[in-house]
């Protein structure tokens, strides 16, 4: 393999790794935001008296 081919291969691998990390970082940010929204929603639902007290199991 020529030196230019090796350099191109290493460069492409480096770009792919950087891209993978960026995508994973974005996915982590999205999951954290969804978790925070879910936690907030659960906190608001806990403020409604009687919510979830009865379950209709015959439906």
PDB file of N, CA and C in Angstrom:
ATOM      1  N   UNK A   1       0.850  -1.170   0.000  1.00  0.00           N
ATOM      2  CA  UNK A   1       0.000   0.000   0.000  1.00  0.00           C
ATOM      3  C   UNK A   1       0.892   1.228   0.000  1.00  0.00           C
ATOM      4  N   UNK A   2       0.502   2.187  -0.749  1.00  0.00           N
ATOM      5  CA  UNK A   2       1.259   3.423  -0.814  1.00  0.00           C
ATOM      6  C   UNK A   2       1.008   4.260   0.431  1.00  0.00           C
ATOM      7  N   UNK A   3       1.914   5.170   0.681  1.00  0.00           N
ATOM      8  CA  UNK A   3       1.791   6.054   1.833  1.00  0.00           C
ATOM      9  C   UNK A   3       0.545   6.925   1.722  1.00  0.00           C
ATOM     10  N   UNK A   4       0.228   7.391   0.519  1.00  0.00           N
ATOM     11  CA  UNK A   4      -0.964   8.241   0.351  1.00  0.00           C
ATOM     12  C   UNK A   4      -2.238   7.448   0.630  1.00  0.00           C
ATOM     13  N   UNK A   5      -2.261   6.194   0.235  1.00  0.00           N
ATOM     14  CA  UNK A   5      -3.421   5.338   0.503  1.00  0.00           C
ATOM     15  C   UNK A   5      -3.595   5.080   1.982  1.00  0.00           C
ATOM     16  N   UNK A   6      -2.473   4.853   2.671  1.00  0.00           N
ATOM     17  CA  UNK A   6      -2.513   4.630   4.109  1.00  0.00           C
ATOM     18  C   UNK A   6      -2.989   5.887   4.840  1.00  0.00           C
ATOM     19  N   UNK A   7      -2.482   7.028   4.416  1.00  0.00           N
ATOM     20  CA  UNK A   7      -2.889   8.298   5.032  1.00  0.00           C
ATOM     21  C   UNK A   7      -4.377   8.540   4.828  1.00  0.00           C
ATOM     22  N   UNK A   8      -4.871   8.248   3.633  1.00  0.00           N
ATOM     23  CA  UNK A   8      -6.294   8.431   3.328  1.00  0.00           C
ATOM     24  C   UNK A   8      -7.138   7.489   4.177  1.00  0.00           C
ATOM     25  N   UNK A   9      -6.690   6.259   4.359  1.00  0.00           N
ATOM     26  CA  UNK A   9      -7.415   5.279   5.156  1.00  0.00           C
ATOM     27  C   UNK A   9      -7.500   5.709   6.617  1.00  0.00           C
ATOM     28  N   UNK A  10      -6.384   6.171   7.170  1.00  0.00           N
ATOM     29  CA  UNK A  10      -6.361   6.626   8.554  1.00  0.00           C
ATOM     30  C   UNK A  10      -7.238   7.866   8.708  1.00  0.00           C
ATOM     31  N   UNK A  11      -7.171   8.770   7.750  1.00  0.00           N
ATOM     32  CA  UNK A  11      -7.976   9.985   7.791  1.00  0.00           C
ATOM     33  C   UNK A  11      -9.467   9.657   7.756  1.00  0.00           C
ATOM     34  N   UNK A  12      -9.861   8.740   6.899  1.00  0.00           N
ATOM     35  CA  UNK A  12     -11.261   8.330   6.796  1.00  0.00           C
ATOM     36  C   UNK A  12     -11.723   7.679   8.095  1.00  0.00           C
ATOM     37  N   UNK A  13     -10.889   6.849   8.678  1.00  0.00           N
ATOM     38  CA  UNK A  13     -11.229   6.222   9.956  1.00  0.00           C
ATOM     39  C   UNK A  13     -11.395   7.244  11.053  1.00  0.00           C
ATOM     40  N   UNK A  14     -10.558   8.253  11.044  1.00  0.00           N
ATOM     41  CA  UNK A  14     -10.647   9.313  12.046  1.00  0.00           C
ATOM     42  C   UNK A  14     -11.932  10.117  11.875  1.00  0.00           C
ATOM     43  N   UNK A  15     -12.294  10.398  10.638  1.00  0.00           N
ATOM     44  CA  UNK A  15     -13.535  11.131  10.366  1.00  0.00           C
ATOM     45  C   UNK A  15     -14.734  10.301  10.799  1.00  0.00           C
ATOM     46  N   UNK A  16     -14.731   9.003  10.489  1.00  0.00           N
ATOM     47  CA  UNK A  16     -15.839   8.129  10.866  1.00  0.00           C
ATOM     48  C   UNK A  16     -15.984   8.062  12.377  1.00  0.00           C
ATOM     49  N   UNK A  17     -14.872   7.965  13.100  1.00  0.00           N
ATOM     50  CA  UNK A  17     -14.921   7.909  14.557  1.00  0.00           C
ATOM     51  C   UNK A  17     -15.478   9.208  15.118  1.00  0.00           C
ATOM     52  N   UNK A  18     -15.047  10.319  14.569  1.00  0.00           N
ATOM     53  CA  UNK A  18     -15.553  11.614  15.014  1.00  0.00           C
ATOM     54  C   UNK A  18     -17.046  11.752  14.758  1.00  0.00           C
ATOM     55  N   UNK A  19     -17.488  11.272  13.623  1.00  0.00           N
ATOM     56  CA  UNK A  19     -18.906  11.329  13.274  1.00  0.00           C
ATOM     57  C   UNK A  19     -19.724  10.436  14.202  1.00  0.00           C
ATOM     58  N   UNK A  20     -19.222   9.239  14.481  1.00  0.00           N
ATOM     59  CA  UNK A  20     -19.917   8.323  15.395  1.00  0.00           C
ATOM     60  C   UNK A  20     -20.049   8.939  16.778  1.00  0.00           C
ATOM     61  N   UNK A  21     -19.004   9.583  17.249  1.00  0.00           N
ATOM     62  CA  UNK A  21     -19.048  10.220  18.566  1.00  0.00           C
ATOM     63  C   UNK A  21     -20.049  11.373  18.584  1.00  0.00           C
ATOM     64  N   UNK A  22     -20.120  12.118  17.510  1.00  0.00           N
ATOM     65  CA  UNK A  22     -21.072  13.228  17.434  1.00  0.00           C
ATOM     66  C   UNK A  22     -22.510  12.712  17.466  1.00  0.00           C
ATOM     67  N   UNK A  23     -22.762  11.630  16.746  1.00  0.00           N
ATOM     68  CA  UNK A  23     -24.112  11.052  16.717  1.00  0.00           C
ATOM     69  C   UNK A  23     -24.481  10.497  18.093  1.00  0.00           C
ATOM     70  N   UNK A  24     -23.557   9.788  18.726  1.00  0.00           N
ATOM     71  CA  UNK A  24     -23.822   9.258  20.062  1.00  0.00           C
ATOM     72  C   UNK A  24     -24.034  10.369  21.074  1.00  0.00           C
ATOM     73  N   UNK A  25     -23.276  11.435  20.959  1.00  0.00           N
ATOM     74  CA  UNK A  25     -23.440  12.570  21.859  1.00  0.00           C
ATOM     75  C   UNK A  25     -24.825  13.191  21.698  1.00  0.00           C
ATOM     76  N   UNK A  26     -25.273  13.343  20.467  1.00  0.00           N
ATOM     77  CA  UNK A  26     -26.604  13.898  20.203  1.00  0.00           C
ATOM     78  C   UNK A  26     -27.685  12.966  20.743  1.00  0.00           C
ATOM     79  N   UNK A  27     -27.511  11.670  20.580  1.00  0.00           N
ATOM     80  CA  UNK A  27     -28.485  10.709  21.101  1.00  0.00           C
ATOM     81  C   UNK A  27     -28.541  10.771  22.624  1.00  0.00           C
ATOM     82  N   UNK A  28     -27.400  10.921  23.262  1.00  0.00           N
ATOM     83  CA  UNK A  28     -27.357  11.038  24.717  1.00  0.00           C
ATOM     84  C   UNK A  28     -28.054  12.307  25.178  1.00  0.00           C
ATOM     85  N   UNK A  29     -27.815  13.414  24.499  1.00  0.00           N
ATOM     86  CA  UNK A  29     -28.477  14.671  24.840  1.00  0.00           C
ATOM     87  C   UNK A  29     -29.994  14.541  24.717  1.00  0.00           C
ATOM     88  N   UNK A  30     -30.445  13.904  23.644  1.00  0.00           N
ATOM     89  CA  UNK A  30     -31.876  13.717  23.419  1.00  0.00           C
ATOM     90  C   UNK A  30     -32.492  12.839  24.506  1.00  0.00           C
ATOM     91  N   UNK A  31     -31.792  11.765  24.892  1.00  0.00           N
ATOM     92  CA  UNK A  31     -32.293  10.881  25.941  1.00  0.00           C
ATOM     93  C   UNK A  31     -32.359  11.602  27.286  1.00  0.00           C
ATOM     94  N   UNK A  32     -31.380  12.435  27.569  1.00  0.00           N
ATOM     95  CA  UNK A  32     -31.390  13.190  28.820  1.00  0.00           C
ATOM     96  C   UNK A  32     -32.544  14.187  28.849  1.00  0.00           C
ATOM     97  N   UNK A  33     -32.800  14.854  27.744  1.00  0.00           N
ATOM     98  CA  UNK A  33     -33.908  15.796  27.670  1.00  0.00           C
ATOM     99  C   UNK A  33     -35.240  15.078  27.849  1.00  0.00           C
ATOM    100  N   UNK A  34     -35.387  13.917  27.221  1.00  0.00           N
ATOM    101  CA  UNK A  34     -36.624  13.139  27.356  1.00  0.00           C
ATOM    102  C   UNK A  34     -36.811  12.682  28.800  1.00  0.00           C
ATOM    103  N   UNK A  35     -35.732  12.271  29.453  1.00  0.00           N
ATOM    104  CA  UNK A  35     -35.808  11.857  30.845  1.00  0.00           C
ATOM    105  C   UNK A  35     -36.201  12.992  31.763  1.00  0.00           C
ATOM    106  N   UNK A  36     -35.648  14.166  31.522  1.00  0.00           N
ATOM    107  CA  UNK A  36     -35.994  15.334  32.328  1.00  0.00           C
ATOM    108  C   UNK A  36     -37.460  15.711  32.121  1.00  0.00           C
ATOM    109  N   UNK A  37     -37.944  15.645  30.884  1.00  0.00           N
ATOM    110  CA  UNK A  37     -39.348  15.958  30.602  1.00  0.00           C
ATOM    111  C   UNK A  37     -40.270  14.941  31.270  1.00  0.00           C
ATOM    112  N   UNK A  38     -39.890  13.674  31.242  1.00  0.00           N
ATOM    113  CA  UNK A  38     -40.692  12.629  31.882  1.00  0.00           C
ATOM    114  C   UNK A  38     -40.737  12.826  33.388  1.00  0.00           C
ATOM    115  N   UNK A  39     -39.603  13.166  33.980  1.00  0.00           N
ATOM    116  CA  UNK A  39     -39.555  13.415  35.420  1.00  0.00           C
ATOM    117  C   UNK A  39     -40.444  14.592  35.792  1.00  0.00           C
ATOM    118  N   UNK A  40     -40.400  15.655  34.990  1.00  0.00           N
ATOM    119  CA  UNK A  40     -41.238  16.820  35.246  1.00  0.00           C
ATOM    120  C   UNK A  40     -42.719  16.466  35.114  1.00  0.00           C
ATOM    121  N   UNK A  41     -43.057  15.684  34.088  1.00  0.00           N
ATOM    122  CA  UNK A  41     -44.442  15.292  33.863  1.00  0.00           C
ATOM    123  C   UNK A  41     -44.951  14.432  35.024  1.00  0.00           C
ATOM    124  N   UNK A  42     -44.127  13.530  35.513  1.00  0.00           N
ATOM    125  CA  UNK A  42     -44.528  12.680  36.633  1.00  0.00           C
ATOM    126  C   UNK A  42     -44.732  13.511  37.903  1.00  0.00           C
ATOM    127  N   UNK A  43     -43.903  14.510  38.090  1.00  0.00           N
ATOM    128  CA  UNK A  43     -44.047  15.390  39.245  1.00  0.00           C
ATOM    129  C   UNK A  43     -45.346  16.173  39.187  1.00  0.00           C
ATOM    130  N   UNK A  44     -45.737  16.617  38.006  1.00  0.00           N
ATOM    131  CA  UNK A  44     -46.982  17.363  37.848  1.00  0.00           C
ATOM    132  C   UNK A  44     -48.187  16.454  38.049  1.00  0.00           C
ATOM    133  N   UNK A  45     -48.091  15.212  37.596  1.00  0.00           N
ATOM    134  CA  UNK A  45     -49.204  14.273  37.744  1.00  0.00           C
ATOM    135  C   UNK A  45     -49.406  13.916  39.213  1.00  0.00           C
ATOM    136  N   UNK A  46     -48.337  13.930  40.000  1.00  0.00           N
ATOM    137  CA  UNK A  46     -48.450  13.598  41.411  1.00  0.00           C
ATOM    138  C   UNK A  46     -49.217  14.673  42.171  1.00  0.00           C
ATOM    139  N   UNK A  47     -49.342  15.857  41.608  1.00  0.00           N
ATOM    140  CA  UNK A  47     -50.042  16.954  42.272  1.00  0.00           C
ATOM    141  C   UNK A  47     -51.560  16.865  42.105  1.00  0.00           C
ATOM    142  N   UNK A  48     -52.053  15.994  41.244  1.00  0.00           N
ATOM    143  CA  UNK A  48     -53.486  15.861  41.008  1.00  0.00           C
ATOM    144  C   UNK A  48     -54.037  14.853  42.016  1.00  0.00           C
ATOM    145  N   UNK A  49     -54.873  15.290  42.948  1.00  0.00           N
ATOM    146  CA  UNK A  49     -55.385  14.373  43.969  1.00  0.00           C
ATOM    147  C   UNK A  49     -56.288  13.296  43.373  1.00  0.00           C
ATOM    148  N   UNK A  50     -56.095  12.072  43.824  1.00  0.00           N
ATOM    149  CA  UNK A  50     -56.934  10.955  43.404  1.00  0.00           C
ATOM    150  C   UNK A  50     -56.527  10.326  42.090  1.00  0.00           C
ATOM    151  N   UNK A  51     -55.568  10.893  41.411  1.00  0.00           N
ATOM    152  CA  UNK A  51     -55.153  10.352  40.118  1.00  0.00           C
ATOM    153  C   UNK A  51     -54.481   9.000  40.314  1.00  0.00           C
ATOM    154  N   UNK A  52     -54.980   7.996  39.653  1.00  0.00           N
ATOM    155  CA  UNK A  52     -54.417   6.663  39.747  1.00  0.00           C
ATOM    156  C   UNK A  52     -54.890   5.873  40.958  1.00  0.00           C
ATOM    157  N   UNK A  53     -55.869   6.411  41.663  1.00  0.00           N
ATOM    158  CA  UNK A  53     -56.369   5.748  42.869  1.00  0.00           C
ATOM    159  C   UNK A  53     -57.154   4.493  42.522  1.00  0.00           C
ATOM    160  N   UNK A  54     -57.905   4.561  41.420  1.00  0.00           N
ATOM    161  CA  UNK A  54     -58.727   3.429  41.013  1.00  0.00           C
ATOM    162  C   UNK A  54     -58.346   3.011  39.599  1.00  0.00           C
ATOM    163  N   UNK A  55     -58.383   1.709  39.353  1.00  0.00           N
ATOM    164  CA  UNK A  55     -58.056   1.163  38.042  1.00  0.00           C
ATOM    165  C   UNK A  55     -59.250   0.325  37.572  1.00  0.00           C
ATOM    166  N   UNK A  56     -59.736   0.593  36.376  1.00  0.00           N
ATOM    167  CA  UNK A  56     -60.845  -0.169  35.807  1.00  0.00           C
ATOM    168  C   UNK A  56     -60.262  -1.395  35.117  1.00  0.00           C
ATOM    169  N   UNK A  57     -60.422  -2.558  35.733  1.00  0.00           N
ATOM    170  CA  UNK A  57     -59.836  -3.773  35.173  1.00  0.00           C
ATOM    171  C   UNK A  57     -60.823  -4.535  34.302  1.00  0.00           C
ATOM    172  N   UNK A  58     -62.056  -4.082  34.201  1.00  0.00           N
ATOM    173  CA  UNK A  58     -63.068  -4.759  33.390  1.00  0.00           C
ATOM    174  C   UNK A  58     -63.190  -4.168  31.998  1.00  0.00           C
ATOM    175  N   UNK A  59     -62.451  -3.172  31.693  1.00  0.00           N
ATOM    176  CA  UNK A  59     -62.591  -2.489  30.403  1.00  0.00           C
ATOM    177  C   UNK A  59     -62.082  -3.321  29.268  1.00  0.00           C
TER     178      UNK A  59
END
